[in-house]
């Protein structure tokens, strides 16, 4: 049986990947992105950070379009 993921998990995956994409293009190392930009917002371990980056490739972690309206909290960076 596959593990069911909630919408908040999907949002966290999307947010962390957006942060990663933004700073990876600027040449920051993965560890520095995690330490300076991800950890202060989402206090996850470095290992979890890498697992969340890997989870973004899984299509089951995409947020359905009808739920994106409910996930706009206005605190985006």
N, C-alpha and C. Protein backbone atom coordinates (compact mmCIF):
# COMPACT_ATOMS: atom_id res chain seq x y z
N UNK A 1 0.84 -1.17 0.00
CA UNK A 1 0.00 0.00 0.00
C UNK A 1 0.89 1.24 0.00
N UNK A 2 0.59 2.16 -0.89
CA UNK A 2 1.39 3.38 -1.01
C UNK A 2 1.04 4.35 0.12
N UNK A 3 2.04 5.09 0.52
CA UNK A 3 1.85 6.07 1.58
C UNK A 3 1.12 7.29 1.01
N UNK A 4 0.06 7.71 1.69
CA UNK A 4 -0.72 8.85 1.22
C UNK A 4 -0.11 10.14 1.75
N UNK A 5 0.07 11.11 0.88
CA UNK A 5 0.64 12.40 1.25
C UNK A 5 -0.44 13.46 1.25
N UNK A 6 -0.40 14.35 2.23
CA UNK A 6 -1.37 15.42 2.32
C UNK A 6 -0.99 16.61 1.46
N UNK A 7 -1.92 17.52 1.33
CA UNK A 7 -1.69 18.70 0.51
C UNK A 7 -0.62 19.59 1.14
N UNK A 8 -0.56 19.64 2.46
CA UNK A 8 0.47 20.46 3.10
C UNK A 8 1.87 19.92 2.78
N UNK A 9 2.00 18.61 2.69
CA UNK A 9 3.29 18.01 2.29
C UNK A 9 3.62 18.42 0.86
N UNK A 10 2.62 18.36 0.00
CA UNK A 10 2.83 18.74 -1.40
C UNK A 10 3.24 20.20 -1.51
N UNK A 11 2.64 21.06 -0.70
CA UNK A 11 3.01 22.47 -0.71
C UNK A 11 4.44 22.66 -0.21
N UNK A 12 4.81 21.95 0.84
CA UNK A 12 6.17 22.04 1.37
C UNK A 12 7.18 21.60 0.31
N UNK A 13 6.88 20.51 -0.41
CA UNK A 13 7.75 20.04 -1.48
C UNK A 13 7.89 21.12 -2.55
N UNK A 14 6.77 21.71 -2.96
CA UNK A 14 6.81 22.74 -3.99
C UNK A 14 7.57 23.98 -3.53
N UNK A 15 7.34 24.41 -2.30
CA UNK A 15 8.02 25.60 -1.78
C UNK A 15 9.52 25.40 -1.66
N UNK A 16 9.92 24.27 -1.13
CA UNK A 16 11.35 23.99 -0.96
C UNK A 16 12.04 23.87 -2.31
N UNK A 17 11.36 23.27 -3.27
CA UNK A 17 11.95 23.16 -4.61
C UNK A 17 12.04 24.52 -5.29
N UNK A 18 11.09 25.39 -5.04
CA UNK A 18 11.15 26.74 -5.61
C UNK A 18 12.34 27.50 -5.02
N UNK A 19 12.53 27.38 -3.70
CA UNK A 19 13.69 28.02 -3.05
C UNK A 19 14.98 27.45 -3.62
N UNK A 20 15.03 26.12 -3.75
CA UNK A 20 16.23 25.47 -4.28
C UNK A 20 16.53 25.94 -5.71
N UNK A 21 15.51 25.96 -6.55
CA UNK A 21 15.72 26.38 -7.95
C UNK A 21 16.24 27.81 -8.03
N UNK A 22 15.69 28.68 -7.20
CA UNK A 22 16.09 30.09 -7.21
C UNK A 22 17.57 30.25 -6.89
N UNK A 23 18.03 29.58 -5.84
CA UNK A 23 19.41 29.79 -5.39
C UNK A 23 20.41 28.87 -6.08
N UNK A 24 19.97 27.75 -6.60
CA UNK A 24 20.89 26.88 -7.33
C UNK A 24 21.34 27.56 -8.62
N UNK A 25 20.46 28.34 -9.23
CA UNK A 25 20.82 29.07 -10.44
C UNK A 25 21.85 30.15 -10.17
N UNK A 26 21.89 30.62 -8.93
CA UNK A 26 22.87 31.65 -8.55
C UNK A 26 24.21 31.05 -8.14
N UNK A 27 24.30 29.72 -8.11
CA UNK A 27 25.57 29.06 -7.84
C UNK A 27 25.82 28.65 -6.41
N UNK A 28 24.81 28.71 -5.54
CA UNK A 28 24.98 28.27 -4.16
C UNK A 28 25.04 26.75 -4.10
N UNK A 29 25.81 26.22 -3.15
CA UNK A 29 25.87 24.77 -2.96
C UNK A 29 24.57 24.29 -2.30
N UNK A 30 24.29 23.01 -2.43
CA UNK A 30 23.08 22.45 -1.82
C UNK A 30 23.04 22.67 -0.32
N UNK A 31 24.16 22.45 0.34
CA UNK A 31 24.21 22.60 1.79
C UNK A 31 23.97 24.06 2.19
N UNK A 32 24.52 24.98 1.45
CA UNK A 32 24.33 26.39 1.77
C UNK A 32 22.88 26.82 1.52
N UNK A 33 22.26 26.31 0.47
CA UNK A 33 20.84 26.59 0.22
C UNK A 33 20.01 26.08 1.38
N UNK A 34 20.28 24.86 1.81
CA UNK A 34 19.53 24.30 2.94
C UNK A 34 19.75 25.13 4.21
N UNK A 35 21.01 25.44 4.51
CA UNK A 35 21.33 26.12 5.77
C UNK A 35 20.84 27.57 5.80
N UNK A 36 21.01 28.32 4.72
CA UNK A 36 20.72 29.75 4.73
C UNK A 36 19.30 30.10 4.33
N UNK A 37 18.68 29.29 3.46
CA UNK A 37 17.41 29.69 2.89
C UNK A 37 16.24 28.77 3.22
N UNK A 38 16.49 27.47 3.34
CA UNK A 38 15.39 26.54 3.62
C UNK A 38 15.17 26.35 5.11
N UNK A 39 16.23 26.07 5.85
CA UNK A 39 16.09 25.74 7.28
C UNK A 39 15.42 26.84 8.11
N UNK A 40 15.70 28.12 7.87
CA UNK A 40 15.00 29.14 8.67
C UNK A 40 13.48 29.16 8.46
N UNK A 41 13.02 28.75 7.28
CA UNK A 41 11.58 28.75 6.98
C UNK A 41 10.96 27.39 7.30
N UNK A 42 11.61 26.34 6.85
CA UNK A 42 11.16 24.97 7.08
C UNK A 42 12.25 24.23 7.86
N UNK A 43 12.14 24.13 9.18
CA UNK A 43 13.20 23.50 9.97
C UNK A 43 13.22 21.98 9.81
N UNK A 44 13.76 21.54 8.68
CA UNK A 44 13.89 20.12 8.39
C UNK A 44 15.38 19.78 8.36
N UNK A 45 15.68 18.51 8.59
CA UNK A 45 17.08 18.10 8.55
C UNK A 45 17.59 18.15 7.11
N UNK A 46 18.90 18.09 6.98
CA UNK A 46 19.49 18.11 5.64
C UNK A 46 19.07 16.88 4.84
N UNK A 47 18.97 15.76 5.51
CA UNK A 47 18.54 14.53 4.84
C UNK A 47 17.11 14.67 4.32
N UNK A 48 16.22 15.24 5.15
CA UNK A 48 14.84 15.46 4.72
C UNK A 48 14.80 16.44 3.56
N UNK A 49 15.66 17.44 3.58
CA UNK A 49 15.76 18.39 2.48
C UNK A 49 16.03 17.67 1.16
N UNK A 50 16.99 16.75 1.18
CA UNK A 50 17.30 16.00 -0.03
C UNK A 50 16.14 15.08 -0.44
N UNK A 51 15.47 14.50 0.54
CA UNK A 51 14.30 13.66 0.22
C UNK A 51 13.18 14.49 -0.40
N UNK A 52 12.99 15.71 0.07
CA UNK A 52 11.96 16.58 -0.50
C UNK A 52 12.33 17.00 -1.92
N UNK A 53 13.61 17.22 -2.19
CA UNK A 53 14.03 17.54 -3.55
C UNK A 53 13.75 16.35 -4.47
N UNK A 54 14.00 15.16 -3.97
CA UNK A 54 13.75 13.95 -4.75
C UNK A 54 12.25 13.72 -4.94
N UNK A 55 11.44 14.08 -3.94
CA UNK A 55 10.00 13.87 -4.01
C UNK A 55 9.35 14.72 -5.09
N UNK A 56 9.98 15.82 -5.47
CA UNK A 56 9.38 16.70 -6.47
C UNK A 56 9.28 16.02 -7.83
N UNK A 57 10.08 15.00 -8.07
CA UNK A 57 10.05 14.31 -9.34
C UNK A 57 8.88 13.32 -9.43
N UNK A 58 8.25 13.04 -8.30
CA UNK A 58 7.15 12.08 -8.26
C UNK A 58 5.84 12.78 -8.63
N UNK A 59 5.16 12.34 -9.67
CA UNK A 59 3.93 13.03 -10.10
C UNK A 59 2.82 13.02 -9.06
N UNK A 60 2.83 12.10 -8.12
CA UNK A 60 1.77 12.07 -7.10
C UNK A 60 1.91 13.22 -6.12
N UNK A 61 3.05 13.92 -6.12
CA UNK A 61 3.26 15.05 -5.22
C UNK A 61 2.91 16.39 -5.86
N UNK A 62 2.34 16.37 -7.06
CA UNK A 62 1.91 17.61 -7.68
C UNK A 62 0.60 18.05 -7.04
N UNK A 63 0.48 19.34 -6.81
CA UNK A 63 -0.71 19.89 -6.17
C UNK A 63 -1.80 20.04 -7.23
N UNK A 64 -2.98 19.46 -6.98
CA UNK A 64 -4.09 19.64 -7.93
C UNK A 64 -4.45 21.11 -8.07
N UNK A 65 -4.78 21.52 -9.29
CA UNK A 65 -5.05 22.93 -9.57
C UNK A 65 -6.19 23.49 -8.72
N UNK A 66 -7.20 22.68 -8.41
CA UNK A 66 -8.33 23.18 -7.63
C UNK A 66 -7.97 23.45 -6.17
N UNK A 67 -6.83 22.95 -5.70
CA UNK A 67 -6.42 23.17 -4.31
C UNK A 67 -5.41 24.31 -4.16
N UNK A 68 -4.85 24.79 -5.25
CA UNK A 68 -3.84 25.83 -5.14
C UNK A 68 -4.40 27.13 -4.57
N UNK A 69 -5.68 27.40 -4.79
CA UNK A 69 -6.31 28.60 -4.24
C UNK A 69 -6.24 28.61 -2.72
N UNK A 70 -6.40 27.45 -2.10
CA UNK A 70 -6.40 27.36 -0.65
C UNK A 70 -5.00 27.40 -0.03
N UNK A 71 -3.97 27.31 -0.85
CA UNK A 71 -2.60 27.26 -0.34
C UNK A 71 -1.87 28.58 -0.48
N UNK A 72 -2.55 29.64 -0.87
CA UNK A 72 -1.93 30.95 -0.99
C UNK A 72 -2.05 31.67 0.34
N UNK A 73 -1.00 31.59 1.16
CA UNK A 73 -1.02 32.15 2.49
C UNK A 73 -0.46 33.57 2.54
N UNK A 74 0.04 34.07 1.43
CA UNK A 74 0.55 35.44 1.38
C UNK A 74 1.91 35.62 2.00
N UNK A 75 2.55 34.57 2.47
CA UNK A 75 3.87 34.69 3.09
C UNK A 75 4.97 34.14 2.18
N UNK A 76 4.71 34.12 0.91
CA UNK A 76 5.69 33.60 -0.05
C UNK A 76 6.86 34.56 -0.18
N UNK A 77 8.01 34.01 -0.54
CA UNK A 77 9.19 34.85 -0.70
C UNK A 77 9.39 35.18 -2.13
